[in-house]
């Protein structure tokens, strides 16, 4: 049985090649829906023009199928709400040296 936990674990294997942090901790995953052996993911990127969009979405799809046994994985890119550093996990922000207390809200 495919669970949301398994999907997130699979997606944690997909790294942003520029900074080496996975797409879950970067805050790119907005929603996961599972229906039988089909997984649908709403995912964002830092910008609409991100040159890695094709590669990251394909890697996410492949990771879900490989690690969860899903028969089908669909990745839908969304940009609402727009991504921002507040969506990153604390460990990702720390690794990148981002201190939210120093940022304007």
N, C-alpha and C. Protein backbone atom coordinates (compact mmCIF):
# COMPACT_ATOMS: atom_id res chain seq x y z
N UNK A 1 0.84 -1.19 0.00
CA UNK A 1 0.00 0.00 0.00
C UNK A 1 0.89 1.25 0.00
N UNK A 2 0.59 2.16 -0.87
CA UNK A 2 1.35 3.41 -0.97
C UNK A 2 0.80 4.40 0.04
N UNK A 3 1.68 4.99 0.81
CA UNK A 3 1.28 5.99 1.79
C UNK A 3 1.95 7.33 1.48
N UNK A 4 1.41 8.38 2.05
CA UNK A 4 2.00 9.71 1.88
C UNK A 4 3.43 9.71 2.42
N UNK A 5 3.65 9.00 3.52
CA UNK A 5 4.99 8.92 4.10
C UNK A 5 5.98 8.30 3.11
N UNK A 6 5.57 7.25 2.40
CA UNK A 6 6.43 6.62 1.40
C UNK A 6 6.72 7.57 0.24
N UNK A 7 5.71 8.34 -0.17
CA UNK A 7 5.89 9.28 -1.27
C UNK A 7 6.89 10.36 -0.86
N UNK A 8 6.72 10.93 0.33
CA UNK A 8 7.65 11.96 0.79
C UNK A 8 9.07 11.40 0.92
N UNK A 9 9.20 10.18 1.41
CA UNK A 9 10.53 9.56 1.52
C UNK A 9 11.16 9.40 0.14
N UNK A 10 10.36 9.01 -0.84
CA UNK A 10 10.86 8.88 -2.21
C UNK A 10 11.31 10.23 -2.74
N UNK A 11 10.52 11.27 -2.49
CA UNK A 11 10.85 12.60 -2.99
C UNK A 11 12.08 13.19 -2.31
N UNK A 12 12.38 12.73 -1.11
CA UNK A 12 13.59 13.20 -0.43
C UNK A 12 14.86 12.71 -1.11
N UNK A 13 14.73 11.77 -2.05
CA UNK A 13 15.90 11.30 -2.80
C UNK A 13 16.21 12.19 -4.00
N UNK A 14 15.32 13.14 -4.28
CA UNK A 14 15.50 14.03 -5.44
C UNK A 14 16.17 15.31 -4.95
N UNK A 15 17.40 15.51 -5.41
CA UNK A 15 18.19 16.66 -4.95
C UNK A 15 18.23 17.76 -5.99
N UNK A 16 18.15 18.99 -5.51
CA UNK A 16 18.40 20.14 -6.38
C UNK A 16 19.89 20.08 -6.70
N UNK A 17 20.25 19.97 -7.98
CA UNK A 17 21.66 19.77 -8.33
C UNK A 17 22.56 20.97 -8.01
N UNK A 18 22.00 22.14 -7.88
CA UNK A 18 22.82 23.32 -7.62
C UNK A 18 23.21 23.43 -6.15
N UNK A 19 22.33 22.97 -5.24
CA UNK A 19 22.63 23.16 -3.82
C UNK A 19 22.64 21.86 -3.02
N UNK A 20 22.25 20.75 -3.64
CA UNK A 20 22.35 19.45 -2.98
C UNK A 20 21.37 19.22 -1.84
N UNK A 21 20.25 19.91 -1.86
CA UNK A 21 19.21 19.70 -0.85
C UNK A 21 17.99 19.14 -1.56
N UNK A 22 17.30 18.22 -0.90
CA UNK A 22 16.18 17.55 -1.54
C UNK A 22 14.96 18.48 -1.67
N UNK A 23 14.09 18.12 -2.61
CA UNK A 23 12.94 18.96 -2.94
C UNK A 23 11.90 19.02 -1.83
N UNK A 24 11.88 18.05 -0.94
CA UNK A 24 10.95 18.11 0.19
C UNK A 24 11.41 19.17 1.18
N UNK A 25 12.67 19.13 1.57
CA UNK A 25 13.20 20.10 2.53
C UNK A 25 13.31 21.51 1.95
N UNK A 26 13.36 21.60 0.63
CA UNK A 26 13.34 22.92 0.00
C UNK A 26 11.93 23.50 0.00
N UNK A 27 10.94 22.70 0.36
CA UNK A 27 9.57 23.20 0.41
C UNK A 27 8.87 23.21 -0.93
N UNK A 28 9.34 22.40 -1.86
CA UNK A 28 8.77 22.37 -3.20
C UNK A 28 7.49 21.54 -3.31
N UNK A 29 7.24 20.67 -2.35
CA UNK A 29 6.08 19.78 -2.45
C UNK A 29 4.91 20.41 -1.72
N UNK A 30 3.85 20.71 -2.48
CA UNK A 30 2.68 21.37 -1.93
C UNK A 30 1.58 20.38 -1.55
N UNK A 31 1.44 19.30 -2.31
CA UNK A 31 0.33 18.39 -2.06
C UNK A 31 0.63 17.02 -2.65
N UNK A 32 0.17 15.99 -1.95
CA UNK A 32 0.29 14.61 -2.42
C UNK A 32 -1.09 13.96 -2.31
N UNK A 33 -1.52 13.36 -3.41
CA UNK A 33 -2.78 12.63 -3.42
C UNK A 33 -2.51 11.23 -3.94
N UNK A 34 -3.09 10.25 -3.27
CA UNK A 34 -2.88 8.85 -3.63
C UNK A 34 -4.24 8.21 -3.87
N UNK A 35 -4.37 7.55 -5.01
CA UNK A 35 -5.58 6.80 -5.33
C UNK A 35 -5.14 5.43 -5.86
N UNK A 36 -5.33 4.43 -5.03
CA UNK A 36 -4.87 3.08 -5.36
C UNK A 36 -3.37 3.09 -5.63
N UNK A 37 -2.96 2.81 -6.88
CA UNK A 37 -1.53 2.79 -7.19
C UNK A 37 -1.12 3.98 -8.06
N UNK A 38 -1.88 5.07 -7.96
CA UNK A 38 -1.59 6.30 -8.70
C UNK A 38 -1.28 7.42 -7.71
N UNK A 39 -0.23 8.17 -7.97
CA UNK A 39 0.18 9.27 -7.10
C UNK A 39 0.19 10.57 -7.90
N UNK A 40 -0.46 11.58 -7.36
CA UNK A 40 -0.45 12.92 -7.95
C UNK A 40 0.22 13.87 -6.97
N UNK A 41 1.16 14.65 -7.47
CA UNK A 41 1.90 15.58 -6.62
C UNK A 41 1.81 16.98 -7.22
N UNK A 42 1.50 17.94 -6.37
CA UNK A 42 1.59 19.36 -6.75
C UNK A 42 2.94 19.84 -6.23
N UNK A 43 3.75 20.34 -7.12
CA UNK A 43 5.12 20.73 -6.80
C UNK A 43 5.40 22.11 -7.38
N UNK A 44 6.23 22.85 -6.70
CA UNK A 44 6.64 24.16 -7.20
C UNK A 44 8.14 24.19 -7.38
N UNK A 45 8.62 25.30 -7.86
CA UNK A 45 10.05 25.56 -8.00
C UNK A 45 10.31 26.98 -7.51
N UNK A 46 11.55 27.36 -7.41
CA UNK A 46 11.85 28.70 -6.90
C UNK A 46 11.31 29.79 -7.81
N UNK A 47 11.33 29.54 -9.12
CA UNK A 47 10.80 30.50 -10.09
C UNK A 47 10.17 29.76 -11.26
N UNK A 48 9.28 30.43 -11.96
CA UNK A 48 8.66 29.82 -13.14
C UNK A 48 9.68 29.50 -14.22
N UNK A 49 10.73 30.27 -14.29
CA UNK A 49 11.74 30.08 -15.32
C UNK A 49 12.89 29.17 -14.91
N UNK A 50 12.73 28.42 -13.85
CA UNK A 50 13.81 27.55 -13.38
C UNK A 50 14.23 26.59 -14.49
N UNK A 51 15.52 26.61 -14.85
CA UNK A 51 15.97 25.75 -15.95
C UNK A 51 15.95 24.26 -15.61
N UNK A 52 15.76 23.92 -14.34
CA UNK A 52 15.76 22.52 -13.92
C UNK A 52 14.37 21.91 -13.88
N UNK A 53 13.35 22.64 -14.34
CA UNK A 53 11.97 22.15 -14.18
C UNK A 53 11.76 20.78 -14.81
N UNK A 54 12.25 20.56 -16.00
CA UNK A 54 12.05 19.26 -16.66
C UNK A 54 12.77 18.14 -15.94
N UNK A 55 13.99 18.39 -15.56
CA UNK A 55 14.79 17.39 -14.88
C UNK A 55 14.23 17.04 -13.49
N UNK A 56 13.90 18.06 -12.71
CA UNK A 56 13.40 17.80 -11.35
C UNK A 56 12.04 17.12 -11.37
N UNK A 57 11.16 17.50 -12.27
CA UNK A 57 9.85 16.84 -12.32
C UNK A 57 9.98 15.39 -12.77
N UNK A 58 10.86 15.12 -13.72
CA UNK A 58 11.06 13.73 -14.15
C UNK A 58 11.70 12.90 -13.05
N UNK A 59 12.67 13.48 -12.34
CA UNK A 59 13.30 12.76 -11.23
C UNK A 59 12.28 12.46 -10.13
N UNK A 60 11.39 13.41 -9.86
CA UNK A 60 10.36 13.20 -8.83
C UNK A 60 9.43 12.06 -9.26
N UNK A 61 9.01 12.07 -10.49
CA UNK A 61 8.14 11.01 -11.01
C UNK A 61 8.83 9.65 -10.92
N UNK A 62 10.07 9.59 -11.38
CA UNK A 62 10.83 8.34 -11.35
C UNK A 62 11.03 7.84 -9.92
N UNK A 63 11.33 8.75 -9.00
CA UNK A 63 11.55 8.37 -7.60
C UNK A 63 10.29 7.77 -6.99
N UNK A 64 9.15 8.38 -7.26
CA UNK A 64 7.89 7.86 -6.72
C UNK A 64 7.62 6.45 -7.24
N UNK A 65 7.76 6.26 -8.54
CA UNK A 65 7.50 4.94 -9.12
C UNK A 65 8.49 3.91 -8.60
N UNK A 66 9.76 4.26 -8.56
CA UNK A 66 10.80 3.33 -8.12
C UNK A 66 10.68 2.97 -6.64
N UNK A 67 10.46 3.95 -5.79
CA UNK A 67 10.51 3.71 -4.34
C UNK A 67 9.18 3.32 -3.71
N UNK A 68 8.08 3.59 -4.38
CA UNK A 68 6.78 3.26 -3.76
C UNK A 68 6.05 2.13 -4.47
N UNK A 69 6.47 1.81 -5.68
CA UNK A 69 5.76 0.80 -6.46
C UNK A 69 4.52 1.33 -7.15
N UNK A 70 4.36 2.64 -7.18
CA UNK A 70 3.21 3.24 -7.86
C UNK A 70 3.24 2.87 -9.34
N UNK A 71 2.07 2.63 -9.91
CA UNK A 71 1.98 2.34 -11.33
C UNK A 71 2.07 3.62 -12.15
N UNK A 72 1.67 4.71 -11.53
CA UNK A 72 1.65 5.99 -12.24
C UNK A 72 1.96 7.10 -11.25
N UNK A 73 2.74 8.08 -11.70
CA UNK A 73 3.03 9.26 -10.89
C UNK A 73 2.91 10.48 -11.79
N UNK A 74 2.13 11.43 -11.36
CA UNK A 74 1.94 12.67 -12.10
C UNK A 74 2.44 13.83 -11.26
N UNK A 75 3.28 14.66 -11.85
CA UNK A 75 3.80 15.84 -11.17
C UNK A 75 3.21 17.06 -11.86
N UNK A 76 2.51 17.86 -11.09
CA UNK A 76 1.89 19.07 -11.62
C UNK A 76 2.62 20.27 -11.02
N UNK A 77 3.24 21.08 -11.88
CA UNK A 77 3.92 22.28 -11.39
C UNK A 77 2.90 23.37 -11.13
N UNK A 78 3.00 23.96 -9.95
CA UNK A 78 2.12 25.06 -9.56
C UNK A 78 2.99 26.19 -9.02
N UNK A 79 2.49 27.40 -9.14
CA UNK A 79 3.26 28.56 -8.65
C UNK A 79 2.41 29.46 -7.78
N UNK A 80 1.34 28.90 -7.24
CA UNK A 80 0.48 29.64 -6.33
C UNK A 80 0.20 28.76 -5.12
N UNK A 81 0.69 29.14 -3.97
CA UNK A 81 1.41 30.37 -3.67
C UNK A 81 2.85 30.30 -4.17
N UNK A 82 3.40 31.47 -4.45
CA UNK A 82 4.80 31.49 -4.89
C UNK A 82 5.72 30.95 -3.79
N UNK A 83 6.75 30.23 -4.21
CA UNK A 83 7.71 29.69 -3.26
C UNK A 83 8.48 30.82 -2.60
N UNK A 84 8.83 30.62 -1.31
CA UNK A 84 9.72 31.55 -0.61
C UNK A 84 10.50 30.78 0.44
N UNK A 85 11.51 31.37 1.01
CA UNK A 85 12.40 30.67 1.94
C UNK A 85 11.70 30.18 3.20
N UNK A 86 10.56 30.75 3.54
CA UNK A 86 9.82 30.30 4.70
C UNK A 86 9.28 28.88 4.51
N UNK A 87 9.19 28.41 3.29
CA UNK A 87 8.67 27.08 2.99
C UNK A 87 9.73 25.99 3.19
N UNK A 88 10.98 26.39 3.29
CA UNK A 88 12.06 25.44 3.51
C UNK A 88 12.02 24.91 4.93
N UNK A 89 12.53 23.70 5.11
CA UNK A 89 12.66 23.17 6.47
C UNK A 89 13.74 23.96 7.20
N UNK A 90 13.69 23.92 8.50
CA UNK A 90 14.69 24.62 9.29
C UNK A 90 16.09 24.10 8.99
N UNK A 91 16.21 22.78 8.82
CA UNK A 91 17.54 22.21 8.54
C UNK A 91 18.07 22.70 7.19
N UNK A 92 17.21 22.85 6.19
CA UNK A 92 17.65 23.36 4.89
C UNK A 92 18.09 24.81 5.00
N UNK A 93 17.31 25.61 5.73
CA UNK A 93 17.69 27.02 5.91
C UNK A 93 19.03 27.12 6.63
N UNK A 94 19.22 26.30 7.66
CA UNK A 94 20.47 26.33 8.41
C UNK A 94 21.63 25.95 7.51
N UNK A 95 21.44 24.92 6.73
CA UNK A 95 22.50 24.46 5.82
C UNK A 95 22.90 25.55 4.83
N UNK A 96 21.93 26.35 4.41
CA UNK A 96 22.20 27.42 3.45
C UNK A 96 22.54 28.75 4.12
N UNK A 97 22.53 28.77 5.46
CA UNK A 97 22.89 30.00 6.17
C UNK A 97 21.81 31.05 6.13
N UNK A 98 20.55 30.63 6.03
CA UNK A 98 19.44 31.58 5.99
C UNK A 98 18.88 31.75 7.40
N UNK A 99 18.89 32.94 7.89
CA UNK A 99 18.36 33.27 9.22
C UNK A 99 17.12 34.11 9.04
N UNK A 100 15.95 33.50 9.29
CA UNK A 100 14.68 34.21 9.07
C UNK A 100 14.53 35.45 9.96
N UNK A 101 15.20 35.45 11.10
CA UNK A 101 15.08 36.59 12.00
C UNK A 101 15.72 37.85 11.41
N UNK A 102 16.56 37.67 10.40
CA UNK A 102 17.23 38.81 9.77
C UNK A 102 16.48 39.30 8.54
N UNK A 103 15.39 38.64 8.21
CA UNK A 103 14.65 38.97 6.98
C UNK A 103 13.43 39.83 7.29
N UNK A 104 13.09 40.67 6.34
CA UNK A 104 11.85 41.44 6.44
C UNK A 104 10.69 40.54 6.09
N UNK A 105 9.57 40.71 6.78
CA UNK A 105 8.38 39.92 6.44
C UNK A 105 7.55 40.60 5.40
